[in-house]
Amino acid sequence: MFRRFVAIALLLFTTAVMNAQHPGTIEGVADSSVTKLNNYISAYLSSVPPDPDSLIAASDRIISFAEKKHVASYIASRIFGIFRDPEIMGLESVAVHIAGKYFLTGVLPVPEGMSQMEILLFYEFNRHSLLGMQAPELKLANLNGDSLSLKNQFSKYNILLFFDENCSVCMREIPVIRHIADSLSGEGVKVIAVYTQSSAARLRDYTSKEFSSGNSAAGWTFLMDAELKSDYQRLYNVISTPQIYLIDEEGVIQGRNLDGKSLEVLLKSLMESEKNMFRRVENFSDNFIASTNFSDTLTVKQTFRFLFERLNPESNKVMYRRTFSYLYESLLFSGENDKILASAILAEEFIIPYPILWSEKSYSHEWIPSMVKRTRANVPGKIAANLSLFDTKGRQVMLSDSKSKYTLLYFFDPDCSICKPFSEELKSIYRKLRKKGVEIIGINITGGPKGSKSYKKKNRIPWKIFSPGVNGPGEIFAAYEAEKVPVTYLLDSERKIIARRINTITLETLIP
């Protein structure tokens, strides 16, 4: 039943558009006066900034000038006609506003030459998917018949394509879209292709033929709604195919009624804007970090709170995410204890409590909490995490095997330019440290047993050198802040952290 209604509605809509005649006369008004009025309307609208809000306000204003309803109706219909198929994308919002506010509510009568059905169908098929709106949710099926949420498929940039393999224009546009998606795949571009016909077998045949043996389907998701239950035709104005939208990571419609050429221009424009925004975020954040005293916890919280409120995340999610993720990672990987602790404060106070503001939950609510946990576990007084490692003979050893009075964990990389002089400094005080009960354990974060053995022999290293165990370096980084080497941790006999990131001078002062 619903499917039949949609088919009838589409037929009526197409017929109405083909037969529509915009009223050219006003009852009781001379043609010359109508011409002057038309010129006035055009001149007035052309003086208004070409954005929907400004034009809607201007349209309401000019309609309100008319003292008689039939004149106001003419003006409204004239504006509706101008913006129902505008040259500038997004200005169809004006026609939707006119239809909804004046004609469909009965505020103004529908003039001769137009029909209530024509206006209603235009309104219903456009009002849900205007620029700046949240893309309507759809429940669709994939090639396996699994029901999927459209919004759960979104990436950073989403090309939403409604297509039919028997549509000649579709077959002309799809290779263009494929080229765009392939050339910008590293930028987070994804194609969500919704098949508008009812045969799943035909869709599988098409994708098998066109997206196999070199025609990669990477970055493409094919969906369909054989029974038309999702109402996608009305929600996305799919009167004919192809219908192409561009939707951002927030699910906001950035482009509609596109073709391949305009899609590429819009995508590159959005990406350039994103890059410019990120450069501003980087510059601001670097200056923010440089001017903040991170040794005072209270000041740190107040400073972050001020920034959070100024950014107003509820209305500016993207800027908030870019700024706070950049700040968090810059502080986390700074290699400075105060800044690393500040990163935990920032995450605990201004990222983790706001899941609704983050689209990539694996980042904000999996990775960041794991890093905060690591930060909190790496402060002095905490028990150092145990690790499974390999010695230079390839035997598995545990970090907890060390039973010395003091243990100095020294994370290094043989190719690190700063590590070599630090190693030489350690060698110069090695005997003195040994006499005081200090065992040095070098952990080569990038090498294996063979490479570590060669490095130890070549550089005459007197202490033990271990390398990542069966779980790889990920186990090390999950437990220790060892991304920026050289990094040192001084532990007591119970493996409690005494200090971290200390140089040889500080090390000697800490050992009585």
Protein backbone atom coordinates (compact mmCIF):
# COMPACT_ATOMS: atom_id res chain seq x y z
CA MET A 1 0.00 0.00 0.00
CA PHE A 2 2.73 2.42 0.98
CA ARG A 3 4.73 1.54 -2.09
CA ARG A 4 1.71 2.29 -4.29
CA PHE A 5 1.22 5.63 -2.53
CA VAL A 6 4.84 6.61 -3.13
CA ALA A 7 4.61 5.70 -6.80
CA ILE A 8 1.40 7.75 -7.21
CA ALA A 9 2.93 10.67 -5.31
CA LEU A 10 6.01 10.66 -7.53
CA LEU A 11 3.85 10.59 -10.64
CA LEU A 12 1.73 13.47 -9.37
CA PHE A 13 4.79 15.45 -8.42
CA THR A 14 6.46 14.98 -11.80
CA THR A 15 3.24 15.87 -13.62
CA ALA A 16 2.72 18.93 -11.45
CA VAL A 17 6.21 20.19 -12.14
CA MET A 18 5.82 19.66 -15.88
CA ASN A 19 2.43 21.35 -16.00
CA ALA A 20 3.10 24.11 -13.47
CA GLN A 21 2.60 27.67 -14.74
CA HIS A 22 3.70 30.45 -12.49
CA PRO A 23 0.99 33.07 -12.28
CA GLY A 24 1.72 35.99 -14.51
CA THR A 25 -1.26 38.18 -13.68
CA ILE A 26 -3.01 39.61 -10.66
CA GLU A 27 -6.77 40.05 -10.78
CA GLY A 28 -7.65 43.71 -11.09
CA VAL A 29 -4.07 44.83 -11.68
CA ALA A 30 -2.76 46.06 -15.03
CA ASP A 31 -0.10 43.99 -16.76
CA SER A 32 2.32 46.92 -16.69
CA SER A 33 1.95 47.14 -12.92
CA VAL A 34 2.55 43.40 -12.59
CA THR A 35 5.74 43.79 -14.65
CA LYS A 36 6.90 46.59 -12.36
CA LEU A 37 6.11 44.44 -9.31
CA ASN A 38 8.07 41.53 -10.78
CA ASN A 39 11.04 43.81 -11.42
CA TYR A 40 10.79 45.19 -7.89
CA ILE A 41 10.73 41.68 -6.38
CA SER A 42 13.76 40.64 -8.43
CA ALA A 43 15.70 43.82 -7.62
CA TYR A 44 14.87 43.59 -3.93
CA LEU A 45 15.90 39.94 -3.62
CA SER A 46 19.11 40.52 -5.59
CA SER A 47 20.13 43.13 -3.00
CA VAL A 48 19.93 40.55 -0.20
CA PRO A 49 22.92 38.32 0.72
CA PRO A 50 22.41 34.96 -1.02
CA ASP A 51 21.92 32.85 2.06
CA PRO A 52 18.65 31.17 3.14
CA ASP A 53 18.13 33.04 6.42
CA SER A 54 18.59 36.47 4.86
CA LEU A 55 16.39 35.65 1.88
CA ILE A 56 13.65 34.15 4.06
CA ALA A 57 13.56 37.29 6.20
CA ALA A 58 13.50 39.47 3.08
CA SER A 59 10.71 37.37 1.54
CA ASP A 60 8.54 37.66 4.66
CA ARG A 61 9.13 41.39 4.67
CA ILE A 62 8.14 41.96 1.05
CA ILE A 63 5.05 39.74 1.38
CA SER A 64 3.97 41.72 4.45
CA PHE A 65 4.02 44.95 2.41
CA ALA A 66 1.02 43.78 0.36
CA GLU A 67 -2.27 45.10 1.75
CA LYS A 68 -4.45 42.67 -0.21
CA LYS A 69 -4.27 38.90 0.10
CA HIS A 70 -4.34 38.19 -3.63
CA VAL A 71 -1.37 40.52 -4.15
CA ALA A 72 0.49 38.92 -1.23
CA SER A 73 -0.34 35.52 -2.71
CA TYR A 74 1.11 36.58 -6.04
CA ILE A 75 4.32 37.84 -4.42
CA ALA A 76 4.66 34.64 -2.41
CA SER A 77 4.10 32.49 -5.49
CA ARG A 78 6.62 34.54 -7.43
CA ILE A 79 9.26 34.02 -4.74
CA PHE A 80 8.34 30.33 -4.52
CA GLY A 81 8.91 30.00 -8.26
CA ILE A 82 12.30 31.71 -8.10
CA PHE A 83 13.64 29.44 -5.37
CA ARG A 84 12.04 26.08 -6.05
CA ASP A 85 14.88 25.27 -8.44
CA PRO A 86 17.58 27.86 -7.64
CA GLU A 87 20.95 28.27 -9.31
CA ILE A 88 22.65 28.45 -5.90
CA MET A 89 22.53 25.22 -3.90
CA GLY A 90 20.65 25.54 -0.64
CA LEU A 91 18.34 28.39 -1.57
CA GLU A 92 15.45 25.95 -2.10
CA SER A 93 15.01 26.46 1.65
CA VAL A 94 13.30 29.74 0.77
CA ALA A 95 10.69 27.97 -1.36
CA VAL A 96 10.12 25.41 1.39
CA HIS A 97 9.59 28.25 3.87
CA ILE A 98 7.10 30.02 1.58
CA ALA A 99 5.15 26.79 1.03
CA GLY A 100 5.02 25.89 4.71
CA LYS A 101 4.29 29.32 6.12
CA TYR A 102 1.82 30.72 3.61
CA PHE A 103 0.21 28.26 1.21
CA LEU A 104 -0.08 25.01 3.14
CA THR A 105 -1.35 26.72 6.29
CA GLY A 106 -4.02 28.68 4.42
CA VAL A 107 -2.53 32.05 5.40
CA LEU A 108 -2.56 32.90 1.69
CA PRO A 109 -4.67 31.37 -1.08
CA VAL A 110 -2.92 29.40 -3.79
CA PRO A 111 -2.98 31.58 -6.94
CA GLU A 112 -4.23 30.41 -10.31
CA GLY A 113 -1.61 28.51 -12.27
CA MET A 114 -0.46 26.61 -9.18
CA SER A 115 -2.03 23.72 -7.27
CA GLN A 116 -2.11 22.83 -3.61
CA MET A 117 -0.86 19.31 -4.49
CA GLU A 118 2.10 20.71 -6.42
CA ILE A 119 3.15 22.82 -3.44
CA LEU A 120 2.51 20.05 -0.92
CA LEU A 121 4.61 17.52 -2.82
CA PHE A 122 7.48 19.95 -3.27
CA TYR A 123 7.34 20.78 0.44
CA GLU A 124 7.20 17.16 1.62
CA PHE A 125 9.97 15.97 -0.68
CA ASN A 126 12.38 18.78 0.24
CA ARG A 127 11.81 19.93 3.81
CA HIS A 128 13.63 16.99 5.46
CA SER A 129 16.94 17.22 3.59
CA LEU A 130 17.89 20.89 3.27
CA LEU A 131 21.44 22.19 3.65
CA GLY A 132 22.54 22.41 7.26
CA MET A 133 19.98 19.87 8.44
CA GLN A 134 20.75 16.59 10.14
CA ALA A 135 20.53 13.85 7.51
CA PRO A 136 17.34 11.85 8.14
CA GLU A 137 17.92 8.42 9.59
CA LEU A 138 17.17 5.41 7.42
CA LYS A 139 17.03 1.70 8.15
CA LEU A 140 18.36 -0.10 5.09
CA ALA A 141 19.64 -3.56 4.18
CA ASN A 142 23.13 -4.46 3.02
CA LEU A 143 24.01 -7.08 0.40
CA ASN A 144 23.64 -9.81 3.00
CA GLY A 145 20.16 -8.64 3.98
CA ASP A 146 21.31 -7.30 7.37
CA SER A 147 19.44 -4.25 8.63
CA LEU A 148 21.75 -1.27 9.11
CA SER A 149 21.40 2.28 10.35
CA LEU A 150 22.44 4.89 7.81
CA LYS A 151 23.99 7.14 10.46
CA ASN A 152 26.11 4.29 11.78
CA GLN A 153 27.83 4.13 8.39
CA PHE A 154 29.06 7.72 8.44
CA SER A 155 32.73 8.56 8.11
CA LYS A 156 34.36 11.99 7.94
CA TYR A 157 32.98 12.85 4.50
CA ASN A 158 30.01 10.84 3.21
CA ILE A 159 28.79 10.74 -0.37
CA LEU A 160 25.19 9.51 -0.22
CA LEU A 161 24.25 8.25 -3.68
CA PHE A 162 20.80 7.01 -4.69
CA PHE A 163 21.18 5.08 -7.94
CA ASP A 164 19.76 2.53 -10.39
CA GLU A 165 22.00 0.44 -12.66
CA ASN A 166 19.60 1.03 -15.57
CA CYS A 167 19.84 4.81 -15.21
CA SER A 168 22.12 6.21 -17.93
CA VAL A 169 22.97 9.33 -15.93
CA CYS A 170 23.86 7.13 -12.94
CA MET A 171 26.22 5.07 -15.07
CA ARG A 172 27.86 8.28 -16.24
CA GLU A 173 28.21 9.74 -12.72
CA ILE A 174 29.30 6.62 -10.80
CA PRO A 175 32.77 6.40 -12.46
CA VAL A 176 33.26 10.08 -11.60
CA ILE A 177 32.26 9.44 -7.99
CA ARG A 178 34.53 6.38 -7.89
CA HIS A 179 37.47 8.47 -9.10
CA ILE A 180 36.75 11.14 -6.47
CA ALA A 181 36.43 8.57 -3.68
CA ASP A 182 39.62 6.73 -4.73
CA SER A 183 41.68 9.89 -5.08
CA LEU A 184 40.53 11.19 -1.69
CA SER A 185 40.38 7.87 0.17
CA GLY A 186 43.07 8.99 2.60
CA GLU A 187 40.91 11.95 3.61
CA GLY A 188 38.10 9.84 5.10
CA VAL A 189 35.75 9.90 2.09
CA LYS A 190 33.11 7.17 2.01
CA VAL A 191 30.40 6.38 -0.53
CA ILE A 192 27.06 5.07 0.71
CA ALA A 193 25.26 3.87 -2.39
CA VAL A 194 21.52 3.22 -1.98
CA TYR A 195 20.02 1.08 -4.72
CA THR A 196 16.51 2.29 -5.60
CA GLN A 197 15.18 -0.89 -7.19
CA SER A 198 13.73 -3.92 -5.40
CA SER A 199 15.90 -6.80 -6.64
CA ALA A 200 18.75 -7.73 -4.29
CA ALA A 201 19.98 -10.23 -6.90
CA ARG A 202 20.37 -7.47 -9.49
CA LEU A 203 22.28 -5.33 -7.01
CA ARG A 204 24.63 -8.21 -6.18
CA ASP A 205 25.17 -8.88 -9.89
CA TYR A 206 25.95 -5.21 -10.48
CA THR A 207 28.43 -4.88 -7.60
CA SER A 208 30.07 -8.19 -8.52
CA LYS A 209 30.57 -7.03 -12.08
CA GLU A 210 31.54 -3.42 -11.48
CA PHE A 211 33.39 -3.64 -8.16
CA SER A 212 35.56 -6.71 -8.57
CA SER A 213 38.75 -7.76 -10.39
CA GLY A 214 40.47 -4.42 -9.91
CA ASN A 215 37.39 -2.29 -9.46
CA SER A 216 37.79 -2.00 -5.69
CA ALA A 217 34.73 -1.46 -3.53
CA ALA A 218 36.88 -0.16 -0.69
CA GLY A 219 35.18 2.88 0.80
CA TRP A 220 31.80 1.92 -0.70
CA THR A 221 28.80 0.57 1.18
CA PHE A 222 25.85 -0.72 -0.85
CA LEU A 223 22.40 -0.61 0.73
CA MET A 224 18.80 -0.97 -0.41
CA ASP A 225 15.17 -0.85 0.71
CA ALA A 226 13.27 -3.33 -1.43
CA GLU A 227 9.97 -2.76 0.37
CA LEU A 228 10.28 1.05 0.57
CA LYS A 229 9.74 1.02 4.32
CA SER A 230 12.33 3.70 5.06
CA ASP A 231 10.50 6.44 3.10
CA TYR A 232 13.83 7.52 1.59
CA GLN A 233 12.16 8.98 -1.53
CA ARG A 234 10.31 11.60 0.48
CA LEU A 235 13.04 12.17 3.07
CA TYR A 236 15.77 12.67 0.45
CA ASN A 237 13.79 13.99 -2.52
CA VAL A 238 14.57 10.93 -4.62
CA ILE A 239 12.22 11.63 -7.51
CA SER A 240 14.75 10.46 -10.07
CA THR A 241 18.25 9.05 -10.02
CA PRO A 242 21.00 9.79 -9.43
CA GLN A 243 20.42 11.86 -6.32
CA ILE A 244 23.66 12.80 -4.62
CA TYR A 245 24.25 14.32 -1.18
CA LEU A 246 27.38 15.20 0.74
CA ILE A 247 27.11 14.66 4.51
CA ASP A 248 29.77 15.48 7.09
CA GLU A 249 30.92 13.46 10.11
CA GLU A 250 28.25 15.11 12.26
CA GLY A 251 25.54 13.86 9.93
CA VAL A 252 24.89 17.40 8.67
CA ILE A 253 23.97 17.84 5.01
CA GLN A 254 26.64 19.94 3.27
CA GLY A 255 25.51 19.40 -0.30
CA ARG A 256 22.39 18.17 -2.13
CA ASN A 257 21.24 17.67 -5.72
CA LEU A 258 24.89 17.37 -6.74
CA ASP A 259 26.59 16.00 -9.82
CA GLY A 260 30.11 14.59 -9.94
CA LYS A 261 31.78 17.87 -10.82
CA SER A 262 30.06 19.96 -8.16
CA LEU A 263 30.62 17.16 -5.63
CA GLU A 264 34.37 17.25 -6.20
CA VAL A 265 34.51 21.04 -5.94
CA LEU A 266 32.48 21.00 -2.72
CA LEU A 267 34.55 18.19 -1.18
CA LYS A 268 37.84 19.93 -1.88
CA SER A 269 36.46 23.19 -0.53
CA LEU A 270 35.38 21.51 2.71
CA MET A 271 38.75 19.77 3.02
CA GLU A 272 40.61 23.02 2.51
CA SER A 273 38.45 24.67 5.16
CA GLU A 274 39.22 21.74 7.48
CA LYS A 275 42.97 22.15 6.90
CA ASN A 276 42.78 25.87 7.53
CA MET A 277 40.83 25.26 10.73
CA PHE A 278 43.37 22.68 11.88
CA ARG A 279 46.25 25.09 11.25
CA ARG A 280 44.46 27.66 13.41
CA VAL A 281 43.87 25.01 16.08
CA GLU A 282 47.54 24.04 16.03
CA ASN A 283 48.77 27.62 16.33
CA PHE A 284 46.32 28.47 19.08
CA SER A 285 46.95 25.25 21.02
CA ASP A 286 50.74 25.56 20.83
CA ASN A 287 50.53 29.13 22.15
CA PHE A 288 48.04 28.03 24.81
CA ILE A 289 50.41 25.31 26.05
CA ALA A 290 53.41 27.64 25.99
CA SER A 291 51.62 30.26 28.12
CA THR A 292 50.08 27.92 30.73
CA ASN A 293 51.66 26.97 34.06
CA PHE A 294 51.02 23.23 34.28
CA SER A 295 52.59 22.80 37.73
CA ASP A 296 49.49 24.23 39.46
CA THR A 297 46.60 21.77 39.19
CA LEU A 298 43.95 24.32 40.18
CA THR A 299 45.14 26.79 37.55
CA VAL A 300 45.19 24.03 34.95
CA LYS A 301 41.55 23.09 35.65
CA GLN A 302 40.40 26.72 35.59
CA THR A 303 42.24 27.37 32.33
CA PHE A 304 40.74 24.32 30.65
CA ARG A 305 37.28 25.24 31.96
CA PHE A 306 37.56 28.75 30.52
CA LEU A 307 38.60 27.36 27.12
CA PHE A 308 35.83 24.75 27.17
CA GLU A 309 33.16 27.36 27.85
CA ARG A 310 34.52 29.78 25.26
CA LEU A 311 34.43 27.10 22.56
CA ASN A 312 30.77 26.32 23.37
CA PRO A 313 31.00 22.64 22.30
CA GLU A 314 27.23 22.12 22.02
CA SER A 315 27.08 24.44 19.03
CA ASN A 316 30.64 24.00 17.76
CA LYS A 317 31.42 20.31 18.13
CA VAL A 318 34.02 20.07 15.37
CA MET A 319 36.14 22.97 16.66
CA TYR A 320 35.87 21.60 20.21
CA ARG A 321 36.97 18.11 19.13
CA ARG A 322 39.86 19.35 17.02
CA THR A 323 41.11 21.67 19.76
CA PHE A 324 40.76 19.33 22.74
CA SER A 325 42.11 16.26 20.94
CA TYR A 326 45.14 18.25 19.75
CA LEU A 327 45.72 19.66 23.23
CA TYR A 328 45.33 16.24 24.82
CA GLU A 329 47.81 14.49 22.54
CA SER A 330 50.31 17.37 22.65
CA LEU A 331 50.34 17.24 26.45
CA LEU A 332 50.29 13.42 26.63
CA PHE A 333 53.31 13.01 24.36
CA SER A 334 55.18 16.09 25.57
CA GLY A 335 57.66 14.09 27.62
CA GLU A 336 57.14 16.45 30.57
CA ASN A 337 55.60 15.13 33.78
CA ASP A 338 53.44 18.18 34.59
CA LYS A 339 52.02 18.32 31.09
CA ILE A 340 51.29 14.60 31.00
CA LEU A 341 49.36 14.88 34.27
CA ALA A 342 47.54 17.89 32.81
CA SER A 343 46.47 15.73 29.85
CA ALA A 344 44.72 13.38 32.30
CA ILE A 345 42.91 16.31 33.91
CA LEU A 346 41.81 17.58 30.51
CA ALA A 347 40.49 14.15 29.52
CA GLU A 348 38.76 13.41 32.83
CA GLU A 349 37.09 16.81 33.06
CA PHE A 350 36.40 17.85 29.47
CA ILE A 351 36.43 14.80 27.14
CA ILE A 352 35.26 11.61 28.84
CA PRO A 353 32.16 13.18 30.52
CA TYR A 354 30.84 14.33 27.11
CA PRO A 355 30.34 11.23 24.92
CA ILE A 356 27.59 12.92 22.91
CA LEU A 357 30.10 15.44 21.57
CA TRP A 358 32.38 12.78 20.08
CA SER A 359 31.54 10.85 16.92
CA GLU A 360 34.48 8.42 17.09
CA LYS A 361 33.82 6.61 20.37
CA SER A 362 36.83 4.29 19.99
CA TYR A 363 39.01 7.37 20.35
CA SER A 364 37.21 9.34 23.04
CA HIS A 365 35.91 6.50 25.17
CA GLU A 366 38.35 3.65 24.60
CA TRP A 367 41.80 4.96 23.70
CA ILE A 368 41.77 8.16 25.77
CA PRO A 369 40.53 6.41 28.97
CA SER A 370 43.24 3.77 28.50
CA MET A 371 45.85 6.51 28.26
CA VAL A 372 44.46 8.31 31.32
CA LYS A 373 44.64 5.05 33.23
CA ARG A 374 48.28 4.72 32.16
CA THR A 375 49.05 8.28 33.22
CA ARG A 376 47.51 7.77 36.65
CA ALA A 377 49.43 4.49 37.05
CA ASN A 378 52.78 6.10 36.18
CA VAL A 379 53.00 8.64 39.00
CA PRO A 380 55.49 8.28 41.87
CA GLY A 381 54.27 5.92 44.58
CA LYS A 382 52.45 3.59 42.17
CA ILE A 383 53.64 0.02 41.52
CA ALA A 384 55.33 -0.18 38.12
CA ALA A 385 53.54 -2.44 35.66
CA ASN A 386 55.02 -5.86 35.01
CA LEU A 387 56.07 -6.71 31.45
CA SER A 388 56.81 -9.88 29.52
CA LEU A 389 60.03 -9.34 27.56
CA PHE A 390 62.80 -11.16 25.69
CA ASP A 391 66.45 -11.11 26.75
CA THR A 392 69.30 -11.07 24.22
CA LYS A 393 69.18 -14.88 23.97
CA GLY A 394 65.48 -14.84 23.06
CA ARG A 395 64.35 -16.18 26.42
CA GLN A 396 61.16 -14.84 27.94
CA VAL A 397 61.71 -12.83 31.12
CA MET A 398 59.47 -10.84 33.42
CA LEU A 399 60.27 -7.35 34.58
CA SER A 400 59.28 -8.44 38.09
CA ASP A 401 62.24 -10.85 38.12
CA SER A 402 64.47 -7.97 39.18
CA LYS A 403 65.02 -8.10 42.94
CA SER A 404 67.48 -5.26 43.35
CA LYS A 405 67.34 -2.47 45.93
CA TYR A 406 66.75 -0.05 43.07
CA THR A 407 65.86 -0.63 39.43
CA LEU A 408 66.38 1.92 36.69
CA LEU A 409 64.19 1.20 33.67
CA TYR A 410 65.77 2.79 30.64
CA PHE A 411 63.54 2.81 27.52
CA PHE A 412 65.56 3.57 24.41
CA ASP A 413 65.82 3.18 20.65
CA PRO A 414 69.23 2.36 19.10
CA ASP A 415 68.52 4.86 16.32
CA CYS A 416 67.61 7.67 18.74
CA SER A 417 70.19 10.48 18.55
CA ILE A 418 69.54 11.60 22.14
CA CYS A 419 69.76 8.05 23.54
CA LYS A 420 73.42 7.56 22.62
CA PRO A 421 74.88 10.39 24.75
CA PHE A 422 72.53 9.47 27.60
CA SER A 423 73.79 5.88 27.43
CA GLU A 424 77.36 7.16 27.62
CA GLU A 425 76.51 9.18 30.72
CA LEU A 426 74.94 6.09 32.32
CA LYS A 427 78.05 4.05 31.52
CA SER A 428 80.23 6.64 33.26
CA ILE A 429 78.36 6.19 36.56
CA TYR A 430 77.38 2.55 36.14
CA ARG A 431 79.86 1.10 38.67
CA LYS A 432 78.97 3.71 41.25
CA LEU A 433 75.26 2.90 40.84
CA ARG A 434 75.90 -0.86 41.07
CA LYS A 435 77.68 -0.38 44.40
CA LYS A 436 74.55 1.42 45.69
CA GLY A 437 72.31 -1.48 44.65
CA VAL A 438 70.97 -0.05 41.38
CA GLU A 439 70.22 -2.46 38.54
CA ILE A 440 69.83 -0.88 35.11
CA ILE A 441 67.51 -2.60 32.66
CA GLY A 442 67.58 -1.24 29.14
CA ILE A 443 64.42 -1.87 27.10
CA ASN A 444 64.90 -1.57 23.35
CA ILE A 445 61.40 -0.51 22.25
CA THR A 446 61.95 -1.18 18.52
CA GLY A 447 64.32 -4.15 18.31
CA GLY A 448 64.34 -7.87 18.96
CA PRO A 449 66.73 -10.19 20.80
CA LYS A 450 69.21 -10.43 17.92
CA GLY A 451 69.38 -6.69 17.31
CA SER A 452 69.62 -5.96 21.03
CA LYS A 453 72.48 -8.43 21.41
CA SER A 454 74.36 -6.82 18.53
CA TYR A 455 73.75 -3.33 19.92
CA LYS A 456 74.91 -4.37 23.40
CA LYS A 457 78.15 -5.86 22.07
CA LYS A 458 78.93 -3.06 19.64
CA ASN A 459 78.37 -0.30 22.22
CA ARG A 460 79.84 -2.24 25.16
CA ILE A 461 76.72 -1.86 27.25
CA PRO A 462 77.28 -3.33 30.76
CA TRP A 463 73.60 -3.60 31.77
CA LYS A 464 70.89 -6.00 30.67
CA ILE A 465 68.99 -5.20 27.51
CA PHE A 466 65.52 -6.59 26.91
CA SER A 467 63.24 -6.23 23.90
CA PRO A 468 59.42 -6.41 23.46
CA GLY A 469 57.89 -9.78 24.29
CA VAL A 470 55.34 -11.88 22.44
CA ASN A 471 52.76 -9.04 22.63
CA GLY A 472 55.08 -6.62 20.85
CA PRO A 473 55.83 -3.00 21.77
CA GLY A 474 52.12 -2.35 22.27
CA GLU A 475 52.33 -3.97 25.69
CA ILE A 476 55.09 -1.53 26.64
CA PHE A 477 53.24 1.54 25.41
CA ALA A 478 50.03 0.47 27.11
CA ALA A 479 51.82 0.44 30.46
CA TYR A 480 54.62 3.02 30.22
CA GLU A 481 55.00 6.51 28.76
CA ALA A 482 57.78 5.35 26.48
CA GLU A 483 56.84 6.85 23.10
CA LYS A 484 59.35 9.69 23.43
CA VAL A 485 62.74 8.15 24.30
CA PRO A 486 64.97 8.21 26.19
CA VAL A 487 62.65 7.65 29.17
CA THR A 488 63.75 6.50 32.62
CA TYR A 489 61.84 5.16 35.63
CA LEU A 490 63.53 4.70 39.01
CA LEU A 491 61.89 1.95 41.10
CA ASP A 492 62.47 0.83 44.67
CA SER A 493 62.80 -2.76 45.89
CA GLU A 494 58.99 -3.16 45.84
CA ARG A 495 58.81 -1.83 42.25
CA LYS A 496 57.22 1.43 43.41
CA ILE A 497 57.95 4.36 41.14
CA ILE A 498 60.30 6.81 42.85
CA ALA A 499 60.77 9.14 39.89
CA ARG A 500 60.52 9.19 36.10
CA ARG A 501 62.18 11.11 33.27
CA ILE A 502 65.26 11.87 35.30
CA ASN A 503 68.76 12.67 34.07
CA THR A 504 71.96 11.21 35.52
CA ILE A 505 72.47 14.16 37.91
CA THR A 506 69.01 13.78 39.43
CA LEU A 507 69.48 10.01 39.52
CA GLU A 508 72.61 10.32 41.67
CA THR A 509 70.91 12.70 44.09
CA LEU A 510 67.99 10.29 44.55
CA ILE A 511 70.24 7.35 45.48
CA PRO A 512 71.59 7.84 49.03
